Amino acid sequence: MLSNALFSRCCCTAIEEVDLNFPASLHEGYATDAVKIFEAPAAAADASKPTLLARTLVADKVCESPKQEEPAKVPVLELPIAKPRADGHSSFTGSIAQGRPCTVFMEGADDVRPARRVSAMYRICAEERSLIVDLGARKIKCPVDGLEDIYQIADGQEAFPPSAVLATKSEKELESLLYVVYYPDPSNCSGVLETLCFSESSSQGRDDLMEQLKRLSMT
């Protein structure tokens, strides 16, 4: 037949069947006390070394992105609302710009007699940086930059002209008394000093005036 002839001409030699017989001792599961060569003997677990599962869990924990904590809320500070004062000076800053009543004590040559009292209006002019006292017939201008000192009765009566102290009509008026020492020309502080003695309408008004002059001098 054609197939037999075709294969008979093949140059390949016939493959002999080889019977591979392994010793019975090498056969897996041959005997209960036989050692299985394809299985590694189980080793006792070392508690000091983490297992693969434990290492995986630790690695997962490390790789976890840390939770971002919410920033602490900053408490909002509420500024107290200014309440009108009982003494009627709630709008002192506004009134001092327009003008407030005062009493000026005109010093005389004779300190034995009381000084002459003159009703006037005073104001603080921020543009001119000055304390201005309007006497009606004339004005007295005290530049803030030329202020040398301002005395209160707490500094002692000896700081005031005796005639001005004698001219006060009450303890309240004495408490609100101010004695201003200043240079008329701030650019020439080596010149002659001038003085102005007057009383505010109250001791609170005196303190407010001092505070306003202090703020203006610091600007």
N, C-alpha and C. Protein backbone atom coordinates (compact mmCIF):
# COMPACT_ATOMS: atom_id res chain seq x y z
N MET A 1 0.84 -1.21 0.00
CA MET A 1 0.00 0.00 0.00
C MET A 1 0.86 1.25 0.00
N LEU A 2 0.28 2.38 -0.40
CA LEU A 2 1.05 3.62 -0.53
C LEU A 2 1.57 4.11 0.81
N SER A 3 0.77 4.01 1.82
CA SER A 3 1.20 4.50 3.14
C SER A 3 2.33 3.71 3.69
N ASN A 4 2.33 2.34 3.51
CA ASN A 4 3.41 1.53 4.02
C ASN A 4 4.69 1.82 3.30
N ALA A 5 4.60 2.03 1.99
CA ALA A 5 5.79 2.34 1.21
C ALA A 5 6.38 3.66 1.60
N LEU A 6 5.49 4.66 1.83
CA LEU A 6 5.97 5.98 2.21
C LEU A 6 6.72 5.94 3.51
N PHE A 7 6.17 5.27 4.47
CA PHE A 7 6.82 5.24 5.78
C PHE A 7 8.01 4.32 5.82
N SER A 8 8.05 3.30 4.87
CA SER A 8 9.19 2.40 4.84
C SER A 8 10.42 3.07 4.32
N ARG A 9 10.23 4.15 3.55
CA ARG A 9 11.36 4.88 3.03
C ARG A 9 11.89 5.94 4.00
N CYS A 10 11.26 6.11 5.08
CA CYS A 10 11.69 7.15 6.05
C CYS A 10 13.05 6.80 6.62
N CYS A 11 13.88 7.77 6.71
CA CYS A 11 15.23 7.56 7.21
C CYS A 11 15.31 7.44 8.71
N CYS A 12 14.21 7.72 9.38
CA CYS A 12 14.24 7.69 10.84
C CYS A 12 14.24 6.25 11.32
N THR A 13 15.00 5.97 12.29
CA THR A 13 15.06 4.65 12.89
C THR A 13 13.90 4.49 13.84
N ALA A 14 13.50 3.34 14.05
CA ALA A 14 12.36 3.07 14.92
C ALA A 14 12.75 3.35 16.36
N ILE A 15 11.83 3.95 17.04
CA ILE A 15 12.05 4.29 18.46
C ILE A 15 11.68 3.11 19.31
N GLU A 16 12.63 2.68 20.05
CA GLU A 16 12.38 1.54 20.92
C GLU A 16 11.68 1.99 22.17
N GLU A 17 10.73 1.22 22.55
CA GLU A 17 10.01 1.53 23.78
C GLU A 17 10.86 1.16 24.97
N VAL A 18 10.99 2.08 25.86
CA VAL A 18 11.79 1.88 27.06
C VAL A 18 10.86 1.87 28.26
N ASP A 19 10.97 0.85 29.00
CA ASP A 19 10.11 0.73 30.19
C ASP A 19 10.88 1.30 31.39
N LEU A 20 10.38 2.49 31.86
CA LEU A 20 11.03 3.15 32.99
C LEU A 20 10.38 2.68 34.27
N ASN A 21 11.11 1.96 35.01
CA ASN A 21 10.58 1.46 36.29
C ASN A 21 11.35 2.10 37.43
N PHE A 22 10.66 2.90 38.24
CA PHE A 22 11.27 3.56 39.41
C PHE A 22 11.13 2.67 40.63
N PRO A 23 12.04 2.75 41.51
CA PRO A 23 11.92 1.94 42.73
C PRO A 23 10.66 2.30 43.48
N ALA A 24 10.13 1.30 44.06
CA ALA A 24 8.86 1.50 44.78
C ALA A 24 9.00 2.51 45.90
N SER A 25 10.24 2.63 46.46
CA SER A 25 10.43 3.56 47.58
C SER A 25 10.32 5.01 47.18
N LEU A 26 10.49 5.25 45.85
CA LEU A 26 10.40 6.63 45.38
C LEU A 26 8.98 7.02 45.01
N HIS A 27 8.10 6.11 44.97
CA HIS A 27 6.74 6.43 44.58
C HIS A 27 6.03 7.15 45.72
N GLU A 28 5.38 8.30 45.40
CA GLU A 28 4.73 9.12 46.41
C GLU A 28 3.57 8.36 47.03
N GLY A 29 3.58 8.30 48.36
CA GLY A 29 2.50 7.62 49.05
C GLY A 29 2.61 6.12 49.03
N TYR A 30 3.81 5.56 48.70
CA TYR A 30 3.97 4.10 48.65
C TYR A 30 3.80 3.51 50.01
N ALA A 31 4.43 4.13 51.02
CA ALA A 31 4.30 3.65 52.39
C ALA A 31 4.05 4.83 53.31
N THR A 32 3.45 4.59 54.40
CA THR A 32 3.10 5.68 55.32
C THR A 32 4.33 6.32 55.92
N ASP A 33 5.44 5.54 56.05
CA ASP A 33 6.65 6.11 56.64
C ASP A 33 7.64 6.56 55.60
N ALA A 34 7.22 6.55 54.33
CA ALA A 34 8.12 6.99 53.26
C ALA A 34 8.16 8.49 53.22
N VAL A 35 9.34 9.02 52.86
CA VAL A 35 9.50 10.48 52.77
C VAL A 35 9.13 10.91 51.38
N LYS A 36 8.26 11.93 51.29
CA LYS A 36 7.84 12.45 49.99
C LYS A 36 8.89 13.44 49.52
N ILE A 37 9.54 13.09 48.41
CA ILE A 37 10.65 13.93 47.95
C ILE A 37 10.18 15.23 47.37
N PHE A 38 8.92 15.32 46.97
CA PHE A 38 8.42 16.55 46.37
C PHE A 38 7.76 17.48 47.39
N GLU A 39 7.80 17.11 48.64
CA GLU A 39 7.22 17.96 49.67
C GLU A 39 8.31 18.35 50.67
N ALA A 40 8.44 19.64 50.94
CA ALA A 40 9.42 20.09 51.92
C ALA A 40 8.89 19.84 53.31
N PRO A 41 9.75 19.38 54.20
CA PRO A 41 9.28 19.12 55.56
C PRO A 41 8.81 20.41 56.23
N ALA A 42 7.69 20.33 56.93
CA ALA A 42 7.12 21.52 57.59
C ALA A 42 8.03 21.97 58.71
N ALA A 43 8.37 23.26 58.70
CA ALA A 43 9.24 23.81 59.75
C ALA A 43 8.40 24.53 60.78
N ALA A 44 8.87 24.53 62.00
CA ALA A 44 8.13 25.21 63.07
C ALA A 44 8.14 26.71 62.84
N ALA A 45 6.99 27.32 63.00
CA ALA A 45 6.88 28.78 62.76
C ALA A 45 7.65 29.56 63.81
N ASP A 46 8.44 30.52 63.30
CA ASP A 46 9.21 31.39 64.19
C ASP A 46 8.34 32.58 64.57
N ALA A 47 8.01 32.69 65.85
CA ALA A 47 7.11 33.77 66.29
C ALA A 47 7.73 35.15 66.12
N SER A 48 9.09 35.19 66.11
CA SER A 48 9.76 36.50 65.99
C SER A 48 9.73 37.05 64.58
N LYS A 49 9.47 36.17 63.60
CA LYS A 49 9.45 36.62 62.20
C LYS A 49 8.01 36.67 61.72
N PRO A 50 7.58 37.78 61.16
CA PRO A 50 6.19 37.86 60.69
C PRO A 50 5.97 36.98 59.47
N THR A 51 4.82 36.43 59.43
CA THR A 51 4.46 35.59 58.28
C THR A 51 4.18 36.48 57.09
N LEU A 52 4.02 35.85 55.96
CA LEU A 52 3.75 36.59 54.73
C LEU A 52 2.44 37.35 54.85
N LEU A 53 1.44 36.71 55.48
CA LEU A 53 0.16 37.38 55.65
C LEU A 53 0.29 38.60 56.56
N ALA A 54 1.07 38.44 57.64
CA ALA A 54 1.27 39.56 58.56
C ALA A 54 2.01 40.69 57.89
N ARG A 55 3.07 40.33 57.08
CA ARG A 55 3.83 41.36 56.37
C ARG A 55 2.94 42.09 55.38
N THR A 56 2.02 41.37 54.76
CA THR A 56 1.12 41.99 53.79
C THR A 56 0.20 42.99 54.48
N LEU A 57 -0.32 42.60 55.66
CA LEU A 57 -1.21 43.50 56.39
C LEU A 57 -0.49 44.75 56.84
N VAL A 58 0.77 44.57 57.31
CA VAL A 58 1.56 45.73 57.74
C VAL A 58 1.85 46.65 56.57
N ALA A 59 2.19 46.06 55.42
CA ALA A 59 2.49 46.86 54.23
C ALA A 59 1.26 47.64 53.80
N ASP A 60 0.09 47.01 53.88
CA ASP A 60 -1.14 47.70 53.51
C ASP A 60 -1.40 48.88 54.43
N LYS A 61 -1.07 48.69 55.74
CA LYS A 61 -1.28 49.78 56.69
C LYS A 61 -0.36 50.96 56.40
N VAL A 62 0.90 50.64 56.05
CA VAL A 62 1.88 51.69 55.76
C VAL A 62 1.47 52.47 54.53
N CYS A 63 0.94 51.75 53.55
CA CYS A 63 0.60 52.39 52.28
C CYS A 63 -0.69 53.19 52.38
N GLU A 64 -1.45 52.95 53.45
CA GLU A 64 -2.68 53.71 53.58
C GLU A 64 -2.35 55.19 53.77
N SER A 65 -3.04 56.05 53.06
CA SER A 65 -2.81 57.48 53.20
C SER A 65 -3.39 57.94 54.53
N PRO A 66 -2.61 58.71 55.30
CA PRO A 66 -3.09 59.15 56.62
C PRO A 66 -4.31 60.06 56.48
N LYS A 67 -5.22 59.91 57.42
CA LYS A 67 -6.42 60.73 57.38
C LYS A 67 -6.08 62.16 57.80
N GLN A 68 -6.53 63.06 56.98
CA GLN A 68 -6.26 64.48 57.27
C GLN A 68 -7.26 64.99 58.30
N GLU A 69 -6.68 65.49 59.40
CA GLU A 69 -7.54 66.01 60.45
C GLU A 69 -8.05 67.39 60.08
N GLU A 70 -9.28 67.66 60.44
CA GLU A 70 -9.86 68.97 60.15
C GLU A 70 -9.18 70.03 61.01
N PRO A 71 -8.84 71.17 60.40
CA PRO A 71 -8.19 72.22 61.18
C PRO A 71 -9.09 72.72 62.28
N ALA A 72 -8.45 73.04 63.40
CA ALA A 72 -9.23 73.52 64.55
C ALA A 72 -9.87 74.86 64.21
N LYS A 73 -11.09 75.02 64.61
CA LYS A 73 -11.82 76.24 64.34
C LYS A 73 -11.34 77.35 65.27
N VAL A 74 -10.98 78.48 64.66
CA VAL A 74 -10.52 79.63 65.44
C VAL A 74 -11.73 80.37 65.97
N PRO A 75 -11.81 80.57 67.28
CA PRO A 75 -12.98 81.27 67.82
C PRO A 75 -13.02 82.72 67.35
N VAL A 76 -14.20 83.17 66.99
CA VAL A 76 -14.38 84.54 66.53
C VAL A 76 -14.61 85.44 67.74
N LEU A 77 -13.74 86.43 67.86
CA LEU A 77 -13.85 87.34 68.99
C LEU A 77 -14.82 88.46 68.63
N GLU A 78 -15.82 88.63 69.42
CA GLU A 78 -16.79 89.68 69.19
C GLU A 78 -16.39 90.91 70.01
N LEU A 79 -16.21 92.00 69.29
CA LEU A 79 -15.85 93.24 69.96
C LEU A 79 -17.05 93.82 70.69
N PRO A 80 -16.84 94.29 71.89
CA PRO A 80 -17.97 94.87 72.62
C PRO A 80 -18.46 96.13 71.96
N ILE A 81 -19.75 96.30 71.95
CA ILE A 81 -20.35 97.50 71.36
C ILE A 81 -20.29 98.64 72.37
N ALA A 82 -19.76 99.75 71.90
CA ALA A 82 -19.64 100.90 72.80
C ALA A 82 -21.01 101.41 73.19
N LYS A 83 -21.21 101.58 74.47
CA LYS A 83 -22.47 102.07 74.98
C LYS A 83 -22.33 103.53 75.38
N PRO A 84 -23.38 104.30 75.21
CA PRO A 84 -23.30 105.71 75.62
C PRO A 84 -23.01 105.81 77.10
N ARG A 85 -22.13 106.73 77.46
CA ARG A 85 -21.77 106.88 78.86
C ARG A 85 -22.81 107.72 79.57
N ALA A 86 -22.95 107.48 80.87
CA ALA A 86 -23.97 108.18 81.66
C ALA A 86 -23.65 109.65 81.83
N ASP A 87 -22.37 110.04 81.65
CA ASP A 87 -22.00 111.43 81.87
C ASP A 87 -22.17 112.30 80.64
N GLY A 88 -22.73 111.74 79.56
CA GLY A 88 -23.00 112.53 78.38
C GLY A 88 -21.82 112.74 77.46
N HIS A 89 -20.72 111.97 77.61
CA HIS A 89 -19.53 112.14 76.79
C HIS A 89 -19.39 111.03 75.75
N SER A 90 -20.51 110.38 75.37
CA SER A 90 -20.43 109.27 74.42
C SER A 90 -19.95 109.73 73.06
N SER A 91 -20.21 111.02 72.72
CA SER A 91 -19.79 111.54 71.42
C SER A 91 -18.69 112.59 71.59
N PHE A 92 -17.76 112.31 72.51
CA PHE A 92 -16.72 113.30 72.82
C PHE A 92 -15.85 113.59 71.60
N THR A 93 -15.48 112.53 70.85
CA THR A 93 -14.60 112.73 69.70
C THR A 93 -15.23 113.65 68.68
N GLY A 94 -16.54 113.49 68.47
CA GLY A 94 -17.22 114.37 67.51
C GLY A 94 -17.36 115.78 68.03
N SER A 95 -17.67 115.90 69.33
CA SER A 95 -17.89 117.23 69.88
C SER A 95 -16.59 118.03 69.99
N ILE A 96 -15.48 117.33 70.22
CA ILE A 96 -14.21 118.05 70.38
C ILE A 96 -13.73 118.60 69.03
N ALA A 97 -14.19 117.99 67.95
CA ALA A 97 -13.83 118.52 66.63
C ALA A 97 -14.65 119.77 66.31
N GLN A 98 -15.89 119.83 66.85
CA GLN A 98 -16.76 120.98 66.60
C GLN A 98 -16.50 122.09 67.62
N GLY A 99 -16.19 121.68 68.84
CA GLY A 99 -15.95 122.68 69.89
C GLY A 99 -16.67 122.33 71.17
N ARG A 100 -15.96 122.47 72.29
CA ARG A 100 -16.53 122.19 73.60
C ARG A 100 -16.32 123.40 74.51
N PRO A 101 -17.27 123.65 75.41
CA PRO A 101 -17.15 124.82 76.30
C PRO A 101 -16.07 124.62 77.36
N CYS A 102 -15.43 125.67 77.71
CA CYS A 102 -14.41 125.64 78.76
C CYS A 102 -14.32 127.02 79.40
N THR A 103 -13.56 127.12 80.47
CA THR A 103 -13.32 128.40 81.14
C THR A 103 -11.82 128.66 81.17
N VAL A 104 -11.42 129.77 80.59
CA VAL A 104 -10.00 130.13 80.56
C VAL A 104 -9.71 131.09 81.71
N PHE A 105 -8.59 130.83 82.38
CA PHE A 105 -8.18 131.68 83.50
C PHE A 105 -7.01 132.56 83.02
N MET A 106 -7.29 133.86 82.85
CA MET A 106 -6.29 134.79 82.35
C MET A 106 -5.38 135.20 83.52
N GLU A 107 -4.12 134.83 83.39
CA GLU A 107 -3.16 135.12 84.45
C GLU A 107 -2.84 136.61 84.49
N GLY A 108 -2.78 137.12 85.66
CA GLY A 108 -2.42 138.54 85.83
C GLY A 108 -1.03 138.65 86.43
N ALA A 109 -0.57 139.87 86.54
CA ALA A 109 0.76 140.11 87.12
C ALA A 109 0.73 139.88 88.63
N ASP A 110 -0.46 140.04 89.21
CA ASP A 110 -0.58 139.87 90.65
C ASP A 110 -1.18 138.50 90.94
N ASP A 111 -0.38 137.59 91.53
CA ASP A 111 -0.85 136.25 91.83
C ASP A 111 -1.70 136.19 93.09
N VAL A 112 -1.78 137.32 93.80
CA VAL A 112 -2.57 137.35 95.03
C VAL A 112 -4.05 137.43 94.70
N ARG A 113 -4.39 138.08 93.62
CA ARG A 113 -5.78 138.22 93.20
C ARG A 113 -6.17 137.07 92.27
N PRO A 114 -7.44 136.70 92.33
CA PRO A 114 -7.91 135.63 91.43
C PRO A 114 -7.78 136.05 89.96
N ALA A 115 -7.51 135.07 89.12
CA ALA A 115 -7.38 135.34 87.69
C ALA A 115 -8.75 135.68 87.08
N ARG A 116 -8.73 136.35 85.97
CA ARG A 116 -9.98 136.70 85.29
C ARG A 116 -10.51 135.48 84.56
N ARG A 117 -11.77 135.21 84.73
CA ARG A 117 -12.41 134.05 84.09
C ARG A 117 -13.04 134.49 82.77
N VAL A 118 -12.80 133.69 81.73
CA VAL A 118 -13.36 133.98 80.40
C VAL A 118 -13.98 132.70 79.85
N SER A 119 -15.25 132.79 79.50
CA SER A 119 -15.92 131.64 78.87
C SER A 119 -15.44 131.51 77.43
N ALA A 120 -15.11 130.29 77.03
CA ALA A 120 -14.55 130.08 75.70
C ALA A 120 -14.98 128.72 75.15
N MET A 121 -14.56 128.47 73.94
CA MET A 121 -14.78 127.16 73.30
C MET A 121 -13.42 126.64 72.83
N TYR A 122 -13.19 125.36 73.05
CA TYR A 122 -11.93 124.77 72.57
C TYR A 122 -12.24 123.59 71.65
N ARG A 123 -11.32 123.33 70.78
CA ARG A 123 -11.46 122.19 69.86
C ARG A 123 -10.08 121.68 69.47
N ILE A 124 -10.04 120.48 68.94
CA ILE A 124 -8.80 119.91 68.41
C ILE A 124 -8.92 119.84 66.90
N CYS A 125 -7.97 120.47 66.22
CA CYS A 125 -7.95 120.46 64.76
C CYS A 125 -6.87 119.47 64.31
N ALA A 126 -7.31 118.32 63.76
CA ALA A 126 -6.36 117.28 63.33
C ALA A 126 -5.53 117.75 62.15
N GLU A 127 -6.13 118.57 61.25
CA GLU A 127 -5.39 119.05 60.08
C GLU A 127 -4.25 119.98 60.49
N GLU A 128 -4.51 120.84 61.45
CA GLU A 128 -3.48 121.76 61.92
C GLU A 128 -2.68 121.20 63.08
N ARG A 129 -3.07 119.99 63.56
CA ARG A 129 -2.40 119.33 64.67
C ARG A 129 -2.25 120.30 65.86
N SER A 130 -3.40 120.87 66.24
CA SER A 130 -3.36 121.91 67.28
C SER A 130 -4.59 121.86 68.18
N LEU A 131 -4.38 122.32 69.39
CA LEU A 131 -5.48 122.60 70.32
C LEU A 131 -5.77 124.09 70.18
N ILE A 132 -6.99 124.42 69.79
CA ILE A 132 -7.35 125.81 69.52
C ILE A 132 -8.42 126.25 70.51
N VAL A 133 -8.18 127.36 71.18
CA VAL A 133 -9.13 127.92 72.15
C VAL A 133 -9.64 129.24 71.58
N ASP A 134 -10.96 129.32 71.41
CA ASP A 134 -11.59 130.51 70.83
C ASP A 134 -12.16 131.37 71.95
N LEU A 135 -11.55 132.54 72.14
CA LEU A 135 -11.98 133.46 73.18
C LEU A 135 -12.98 134.49 72.66
N GLY A 136 -13.31 134.38 71.40
CA GLY A 136 -14.22 135.35 70.78
C GLY A 136 -13.44 136.46 70.11
N ALA A 137 -12.76 137.27 70.90
CA ALA A 137 -11.97 138.37 70.36
C ALA A 137 -10.69 137.86 69.72
N ARG A 138 -10.16 136.78 70.22
CA ARG A 138 -8.94 136.20 69.66
C ARG A 138 -8.92 134.69 69.90
N LYS A 139 -7.97 134.05 69.25
CA LYS A 139 -7.82 132.61 69.38
C LYS A 139 -6.40 132.28 69.87
N ILE A 140 -6.33 131.26 70.70
CA ILE A 140 -5.04 130.76 71.18
C ILE A 140 -4.81 129.40 70.53
N LYS A 141 -3.68 129.27 69.88
CA LYS A 141 -3.35 128.03 69.16
C LYS A 141 -2.16 127.35 69.84
N CYS A 142 -2.38 126.12 70.30
CA CYS A 142 -1.31 125.34 70.94
C CYS A 142 -0.97 124.15 70.04
N PRO A 143 0.14 124.22 69.29
CA PRO A 143 0.51 123.09 68.43
C PRO A 143 0.83 121.84 69.25
N VAL A 144 0.30 120.71 68.84
CA VAL A 144 0.53 119.46 69.56
C VAL A 144 2.01 119.11 69.54
N ASP A 145 2.68 119.39 68.43
CA ASP A 145 4.11 119.08 68.33
C ASP A 145 4.97 120.02 69.18
N GLY A 146 4.36 121.10 69.65
CA GLY A 146 5.11 122.03 70.49
C GLY A 146 4.79 121.90 71.97
N LEU A 147 3.97 120.89 72.34
CA LEU A 147 3.60 120.72 73.75
C LEU A 147 4.82 120.30 74.58
N GLU A 148 5.06 121.05 75.63
CA GLU A 148 6.15 120.73 76.54
C GLU A 148 5.64 119.91 77.72
N ASP A 149 4.46 120.30 78.25
CA ASP A 149 3.87 119.55 79.36
C ASP A 149 2.43 120.02 79.55
N ILE A 150 1.64 119.12 80.17
CA ILE A 150 0.26 119.45 80.55
C ILE A 150 0.08 118.99 81.99
N TYR A 151 -0.23 119.93 82.86
CA TYR A 151 -0.37 119.61 84.28
C TYR A 151 -1.83 119.46 84.66
N GLN A 152 -2.08 118.54 85.58
CA GLN A 152 -3.40 118.35 86.18
C GLN A 152 -3.28 118.66 87.66
N ILE A 153 -4.43 118.81 88.32
CA ILE A 153 -4.39 119.16 89.74
C ILE A 153 -3.78 118.03 90.56
N ALA A 154 -3.80 116.81 90.01
CA ALA A 154 -3.18 115.67 90.70
C ALA A 154 -1.67 115.83 90.80
N ASP A 155 -1.09 116.67 89.91
CA ASP A 155 0.35 116.92 89.96
C ASP A 155 0.72 117.89 91.09
N GLY A 156 -0.30 118.45 91.72
CA GLY A 156 -0.05 119.39 92.82
C GLY A 156 -0.46 120.81 92.45
N GLN A 157 -1.04 121.55 93.39
CA GLN A 157 -1.49 122.91 93.12
C GLN A 157 -0.33 123.85 92.83
N GLU A 158 0.86 123.48 93.32
CA GLU A 158 2.02 124.34 93.09
C GLU A 158 2.43 124.40 91.62
N ALA A 159 1.92 123.44 90.81
CA ALA A 159 2.22 123.46 89.37
C ALA A 159 1.38 124.49 88.63
N PHE A 160 0.36 125.02 89.27
CA PHE A 160 -0.55 125.99 88.65
C PHE A 160 -0.28 127.40 89.18
N PRO A 161 -0.64 128.39 88.39
CA PRO A 161 -0.55 129.77 88.89
C PRO A 161 -1.50 129.94 90.08
N PRO A 162 -1.05 130.53 91.15
CA PRO A 162 -1.93 130.72 92.33
C PRO A 162 -3.20 131.48 91.99
N SER A 163 -3.12 132.39 91.06
CA SER A 163 -4.31 133.18 90.70
C SER A 163 -5.38 132.31 90.05
N ALA A 164 -4.96 131.28 89.28
CA ALA A 164 -5.92 130.39 88.63
C ALA A 164 -6.60 129.49 89.65
N VAL A 165 -5.84 129.02 90.62
CA VAL A 165 -6.41 128.18 91.67
C VAL A 165 -7.41 128.99 92.49
N LEU A 166 -7.09 130.25 92.76
CA LEU A 166 -7.99 131.12 93.53
C LEU A 166 -9.28 131.42 92.78
N ALA A 167 -9.20 131.39 91.47
CA ALA A 167 -10.37 131.75 90.66
C ALA A 167 -11.36 130.62 90.48
N THR A 168 -10.98 129.40 90.81
CA THR A 168 -11.90 128.28 90.67
C THR A 168 -13.04 128.42 91.69
N LYS A 169 -14.24 128.01 91.29
CA LYS A 169 -15.43 128.21 92.12
C LYS A 169 -15.88 126.96 92.87
N SER A 170 -15.34 125.82 92.49
CA SER A 170 -15.76 124.58 93.15
C SER A 170 -14.65 123.54 93.08
N GLU A 171 -14.81 122.51 93.88
CA GLU A 171 -13.85 121.40 93.86
C GLU A 171 -13.89 120.70 92.50
N LYS A 172 -15.09 120.58 91.91
CA LYS A 172 -15.26 119.94 90.60
C LYS A 172 -14.48 120.70 89.53
N GLU A 173 -14.56 122.01 89.56
CA GLU A 173 -13.84 122.83 88.58
C GLU A 173 -12.34 122.72 88.78
N LEU A 174 -11.92 122.64 90.04
CA LEU A 174 -10.50 122.50 90.34
C LEU A 174 -9.97 121.17 89.81
N GLU A 175 -10.80 120.11 89.90
CA GLU A 175 -10.39 118.79 89.43
C GLU A 175 -10.24 118.75 87.92
N SER A 176 -11.01 119.56 87.20
CA SER A 176 -10.96 119.55 85.74
C SER A 176 -10.01 120.60 85.16
N LEU A 177 -9.19 121.19 86.04
CA LEU A 177 -8.26 122.23 85.62
C LEU A 177 -7.06 121.64 84.86
N LEU A 178 -6.60 122.34 83.81
CA LEU A 178 -5.43 121.94 83.02
C LEU A 178 -4.53 123.15 82.83
N TYR A 179 -3.22 122.90 82.90
CA TYR A 179 -2.23 123.96 82.67
C TYR A 179 -1.30 123.48 81.57
N VAL A 180 -1.42 124.11 80.39
CA VAL A 180 -0.69 123.69 79.19
C VAL A 180 0.53 124.58 79.01
N VAL A 181 1.69 123.94 78.86
CA VAL A 181 2.95 124.64 78.59
C VAL A 181 3.41 124.21 77.20
N TYR A 182 3.63 125.19 76.31
CA TYR A 182 3.90 124.86 74.91
C TYR A 182 4.78 125.90 74.23
N TYR A 183 5.35 125.46 73.09
CA TYR A 183 6.08 126.37 72.20
C TYR A 183 5.14 126.79 71.07
N PRO A 184 4.93 128.06 70.84
CA PRO A 184 4.04 128.50 69.75
C PRO A 184 4.52 128.04 68.38
N ASP A 185 5.85 127.94 68.24
CA ASP A 185 6.46 127.50 66.99
C ASP A 185 7.21 126.18 67.24
N PRO A 186 6.64 125.06 66.83
CA PRO A 186 7.29 123.76 67.08
C PRO A 186 8.66 123.61 66.43
N SER A 187 8.90 124.39 65.35
CA SER A 187 10.19 124.30 64.67
C SER A 187 11.29 125.03 65.44
N ASN A 188 10.90 125.82 66.44
CA ASN A 188 11.88 126.57 67.23
C ASN A 188 11.61 126.30 68.71
N CYS A 189 12.08 125.15 69.17
CA CYS A 189 11.84 124.76 70.56
C CYS A 189 12.81 125.42 71.54
N SER A 190 13.64 126.29 71.03
CA SER A 190 14.53 127.05 71.90
C SER A 190 13.97 128.43 72.19
N GLY A 191 12.74 128.67 71.67
CA GLY A 191 12.13 129.97 71.88
C GLY A 191 11.48 130.08 73.25
N VAL A 192 10.61 131.06 73.37
CA VAL A 192 9.96 131.34 74.65
C VAL A 192 8.74 130.44 74.81
N LEU A 193 8.61 129.84 75.99
CA LEU A 193 7.44 129.01 76.28
C LEU A 193 6.24 129.87 76.64
N GLU A 194 5.07 129.43 76.23
CA GLU A 194 3.83 130.09 76.60
C GLU A 194 2.96 129.13 77.38
N THR A 195 1.98 129.69 78.11
CA THR A 195 1.13 128.85 78.95
C THR A 195 -0.34 129.17 78.71
N LEU A 196 -1.17 128.16 79.04
CA LEU A 196 -2.62 128.32 78.92
C LEU A 196 -3.26 127.53 80.05
N CYS A 197 -4.09 128.21 80.85
CA CYS A 197 -4.76 127.56 81.95
C CYS A 197 -6.27 127.61 81.71
N PHE A 198 -6.90 126.45 81.68
CA PHE A 198 -8.36 126.41 81.47
C PHE A 198 -8.92 125.16 82.13
N SER A 199 -10.23 125.14 82.30
CA SER A 199 -10.89 123.99 82.90
C SER A 199 -11.92 123.42 81.93
N GLU A 200 -12.00 122.11 81.89
CA GLU A 200 -13.03 121.43 81.10
C GLU A 200 -14.31 121.42 81.92
N SER A 201 -15.40 120.97 81.28
CA SER A 201 -16.68 120.97 81.99
C SER A 201 -16.77 119.85 83.02
N SER A 202 -15.88 118.84 82.93
CA SER A 202 -15.88 117.73 83.90
C SER A 202 -14.51 117.08 83.91
N SER A 203 -14.27 116.30 84.96
CA SER A 203 -12.99 115.58 85.05
C SER A 203 -12.90 114.49 83.98
N GLN A 204 -14.06 113.91 83.59
CA GLN A 204 -14.06 112.91 82.51
C GLN A 204 -13.71 113.56 81.19
N GLY A 205 -14.25 114.76 80.96
CA GLY A 205 -13.91 115.51 79.75
C GLY A 205 -12.43 115.86 79.72
N ARG A 206 -11.87 116.18 80.88
CA ARG A 206 -10.42 116.45 80.98
C ARG A 206 -9.61 115.22 80.55
N ASP A 207 -10.02 114.05 81.07
CA ASP A 207 -9.29 112.82 80.72
C ASP A 207 -9.43 112.49 79.23
N ASP A 208 -10.62 112.71 78.68
CA ASP A 208 -10.83 112.45 77.26
C ASP A 208 -9.99 113.39 76.39
N LEU A 209 -9.89 114.62 76.81
CA LEU A 209 -9.08 115.59 76.08
C LEU A 209 -7.61 115.17 76.10
N MET A 210 -7.13 114.75 77.24
CA MET A 210 -5.74 114.30 77.35
C MET A 210 -5.48 113.10 76.44
N GLU A 211 -6.44 112.21 76.38
CA GLU A 211 -6.29 111.03 75.54
C GLU A 211 -6.26 111.40 74.05
N GLN A 212 -7.11 112.34 73.65
CA GLN A 212 -7.13 112.78 72.25
C GLN A 212 -5.82 113.48 71.86
N LEU A 213 -5.29 114.27 72.75
CA LEU A 213 -4.01 114.94 72.49
C LEU A 213 -2.87 113.93 72.38
N LYS A 214 -2.93 112.92 73.22
CA LYS A 214 -1.91 111.88 73.18
C LYS A 214 -1.94 111.11 71.86
N ARG A 215 -3.14 110.76 71.42
CA ARG A 215 -3.28 110.03 70.14
C ARG A 215 -2.80 110.87 68.97
N LEU A 216 -3.17 112.16 68.99
CA LEU A 216 -2.75 113.04 67.89
C LEU A 216 -1.24 113.21 67.86
N SER A 217 -0.61 113.25 69.01
CA SER A 217 0.85 113.43 69.06
C SER A 217 1.59 112.19 68.55
N MET A 218 0.93 111.03 68.58
CA MET A 218 1.58 109.79 68.15
C MET A 218 1.37 109.48 66.68
N THR A 219 0.58 110.29 66.00
CA THR A 219 0.31 110.06 64.57
C THR A 219 1.27 110.87 63.72
